């Protein structure tokens, strides 16, 4: 998995994610990726995590 590509995919599809299982799985993946990202890109993942958390 390429973290930056995945972040772009999630950002593009964030409004279509409605299933609780899908939201939780995506959050888990984002949290895992967050640790692997360079510090300057972690904010992007944090924003997506916050948006998905709100949708739950």
N, C-alpha and C. Protein backbone atom coordinates (compact mmCIF):
# COMPACT_ATOMS: atom_id res chain seq x y z
N UNK A 1 0.85 -1.18 0.00
CA UNK A 1 0.00 0.00 0.00
C UNK A 1 0.89 1.24 0.00
N UNK A 2 0.51 2.19 -0.81
CA UNK A 2 1.21 3.45 -0.86
C UNK A 2 0.42 4.45 -0.02
N UNK A 3 0.98 4.91 1.08
CA UNK A 3 0.23 5.75 2.01
C UNK A 3 -0.35 7.02 1.40
N UNK A 4 0.41 7.69 0.56
CA UNK A 4 -0.06 8.96 0.02
C UNK A 4 -1.19 8.75 -0.99
N UNK A 5 -1.11 7.67 -1.74
CA UNK A 5 -2.18 7.33 -2.68
C UNK A 5 -3.44 6.98 -1.88
N UNK A 6 -3.27 6.22 -0.81
CA UNK A 6 -4.42 5.84 0.01
C UNK A 6 -5.07 7.08 0.64
N UNK A 7 -4.28 8.01 1.12
CA UNK A 7 -4.84 9.25 1.68
C UNK A 7 -5.67 9.99 0.65
N UNK A 8 -5.18 10.05 -0.59
CA UNK A 8 -5.94 10.71 -1.65
C UNK A 8 -7.24 9.97 -1.94
N UNK A 9 -7.19 8.65 -1.95
CA UNK A 9 -8.39 7.86 -2.20
C UNK A 9 -9.44 8.07 -1.11
N UNK A 10 -9.00 8.08 0.13
CA UNK A 10 -9.93 8.29 1.24
C UNK A 10 -10.51 9.69 1.18
N UNK A 11 -9.67 10.67 0.91
CA UNK A 11 -10.16 12.05 0.83
C UNK A 11 -11.20 12.21 -0.27
N UNK A 12 -11.01 11.52 -1.39
CA UNK A 12 -11.95 11.61 -2.51
C UNK A 12 -13.26 10.90 -2.20
N UNK A 13 -13.20 9.84 -1.39
CA UNK A 13 -14.39 9.02 -1.14
C UNK A 13 -15.03 9.27 0.22
N UNK A 14 -14.53 10.23 0.97
CA UNK A 14 -14.94 10.40 2.36
C UNK A 14 -16.46 10.62 2.50
N UNK A 15 -17.07 11.30 1.57
CA UNK A 15 -18.50 11.58 1.66
C UNK A 15 -19.35 10.36 1.33
N UNK A 16 -18.77 9.37 0.66
CA UNK A 16 -19.53 8.19 0.29
C UNK A 16 -19.43 7.08 1.32
N UNK A 17 -18.55 7.22 2.28
CA UNK A 17 -18.38 6.20 3.32
C UNK A 17 -19.47 6.36 4.37
N UNK A 18 -20.39 5.42 4.41
CA UNK A 18 -21.51 5.54 5.33
C UNK A 18 -21.67 4.32 6.22
N UNK A 19 -21.22 3.19 5.77
CA UNK A 19 -21.33 1.95 6.53
C UNK A 19 -20.40 2.00 7.73
N UNK A 20 -20.92 1.68 8.91
CA UNK A 20 -20.13 1.74 10.15
C UNK A 20 -18.89 0.86 10.07
N UNK A 21 -19.03 -0.32 9.49
CA UNK A 21 -17.89 -1.22 9.36
C UNK A 21 -16.81 -0.61 8.46
N UNK A 22 -17.25 -0.02 7.37
CA UNK A 22 -16.30 0.61 6.44
C UNK A 22 -15.61 1.79 7.10
N UNK A 23 -16.37 2.60 7.82
CA UNK A 23 -15.78 3.74 8.53
C UNK A 23 -14.73 3.27 9.54
N UNK A 24 -15.06 2.25 10.31
CA UNK A 24 -14.12 1.74 11.31
C UNK A 24 -12.87 1.15 10.66
N UNK A 25 -13.06 0.40 9.59
CA UNK A 25 -11.91 -0.20 8.90
C UNK A 25 -11.00 0.89 8.32
N UNK A 26 -11.62 1.91 7.74
CA UNK A 26 -10.84 3.01 7.17
C UNK A 26 -10.10 3.77 8.25
N UNK A 27 -10.77 4.00 9.38
CA UNK A 27 -10.09 4.67 10.50
C UNK A 27 -8.90 3.86 10.99
N UNK A 28 -9.07 2.56 11.10
CA UNK A 28 -7.96 1.70 11.53
C UNK A 28 -6.78 1.81 10.58
N UNK A 29 -7.08 1.78 9.27
CA UNK A 29 -6.01 1.88 8.28
C UNK A 29 -5.32 3.24 8.34
N UNK A 30 -6.11 4.29 8.51
CA UNK A 30 -5.52 5.63 8.60
C UNK A 30 -4.63 5.78 9.83
N UNK A 31 -5.06 5.22 10.94
CA UNK A 31 -4.25 5.29 12.16
C UNK A 31 -2.94 4.53 11.98
N UNK A 32 -2.99 3.40 11.28
CA UNK A 32 -1.78 2.63 11.01
C UNK A 32 -0.85 3.42 10.09
N UNK A 33 -1.41 3.99 9.04
CA UNK A 33 -0.63 4.77 8.08
C UNK A 33 -0.03 6.01 8.72
N UNK A 34 -0.77 6.62 9.64
CA UNK A 34 -0.31 7.83 10.33
C UNK A 34 1.09 7.62 10.90
N UNK A 35 1.30 6.47 11.50
CA UNK A 35 2.60 6.17 12.12
C UNK A 35 3.72 6.05 11.10
N UNK A 36 3.38 5.67 9.88
CA UNK A 36 4.39 5.46 8.84
C UNK A 36 4.70 6.72 8.05
N UNK A 37 3.86 7.73 8.17
CA UNK A 37 4.05 8.96 7.40
C UNK A 37 5.17 9.82 7.95
N UNK A 38 5.75 10.59 7.05
CA UNK A 38 6.70 11.61 7.47
C UNK A 38 5.93 12.63 8.31
N UNK A 39 6.57 13.21 9.31
CA UNK A 39 5.88 14.15 10.20
C UNK A 39 5.16 15.29 9.49
N UNK A 40 5.70 15.77 8.39
CA UNK A 40 5.05 16.89 7.71
C UNK A 40 3.74 16.49 7.03
N UNK A 41 3.50 15.19 6.86
CA UNK A 41 2.27 14.72 6.23
C UNK A 41 1.28 14.13 7.23
N UNK A 42 1.67 14.01 8.47
CA UNK A 42 0.78 13.43 9.48
C UNK A 42 -0.47 14.28 9.71
N UNK A 43 -0.38 15.58 9.50
CA UNK A 43 -1.53 16.46 9.67
C UNK A 43 -2.65 16.10 8.69
N UNK A 44 -2.28 15.71 7.47
CA UNK A 44 -3.27 15.30 6.48
C UNK A 44 -4.05 14.09 6.96
N UNK A 45 -3.34 13.11 7.49
CA UNK A 45 -4.01 11.93 8.02
C UNK A 45 -4.85 12.29 9.23
N UNK A 46 -4.37 13.19 10.07
CA UNK A 46 -5.12 13.60 11.25
C UNK A 46 -6.45 14.24 10.87
N UNK A 47 -6.44 15.04 9.82
CA UNK A 47 -7.67 15.68 9.36
C UNK A 47 -8.68 14.65 8.87
N UNK A 48 -8.21 13.66 8.12
CA UNK A 48 -9.10 12.62 7.64
C UNK A 48 -9.64 11.78 8.80
N UNK A 49 -8.79 11.49 9.76
CA UNK A 49 -9.22 10.72 10.94
C UNK A 49 -10.30 11.48 11.68
N UNK A 50 -10.12 12.77 11.83
CA UNK A 50 -11.12 13.59 12.55
C UNK A 50 -12.45 13.61 11.80
N UNK A 51 -12.40 13.76 10.48
CA UNK A 51 -13.62 13.79 9.68
C UNK A 51 -14.37 12.46 9.76
N UNK A 52 -13.62 11.37 9.68
CA UNK A 52 -14.26 10.05 9.75
C UNK A 52 -14.83 9.79 11.15
N UNK A 53 -14.12 10.23 12.15
CA UNK A 53 -14.60 10.07 13.52
C UNK A 53 -15.92 10.81 13.73
N UNK A 54 -16.03 11.98 13.14
CA UNK A 54 -17.28 12.75 13.22
C UNK A 54 -18.43 12.00 12.57
N UNK A 55 -18.15 11.35 11.46
CA UNK A 55 -19.20 10.62 10.74
C UNK A 55 -19.70 9.42 11.52
N UNK A 56 -18.88 8.88 12.40
CA UNK A 56 -19.33 7.75 13.22
C UNK A 56 -20.37 8.24 14.21
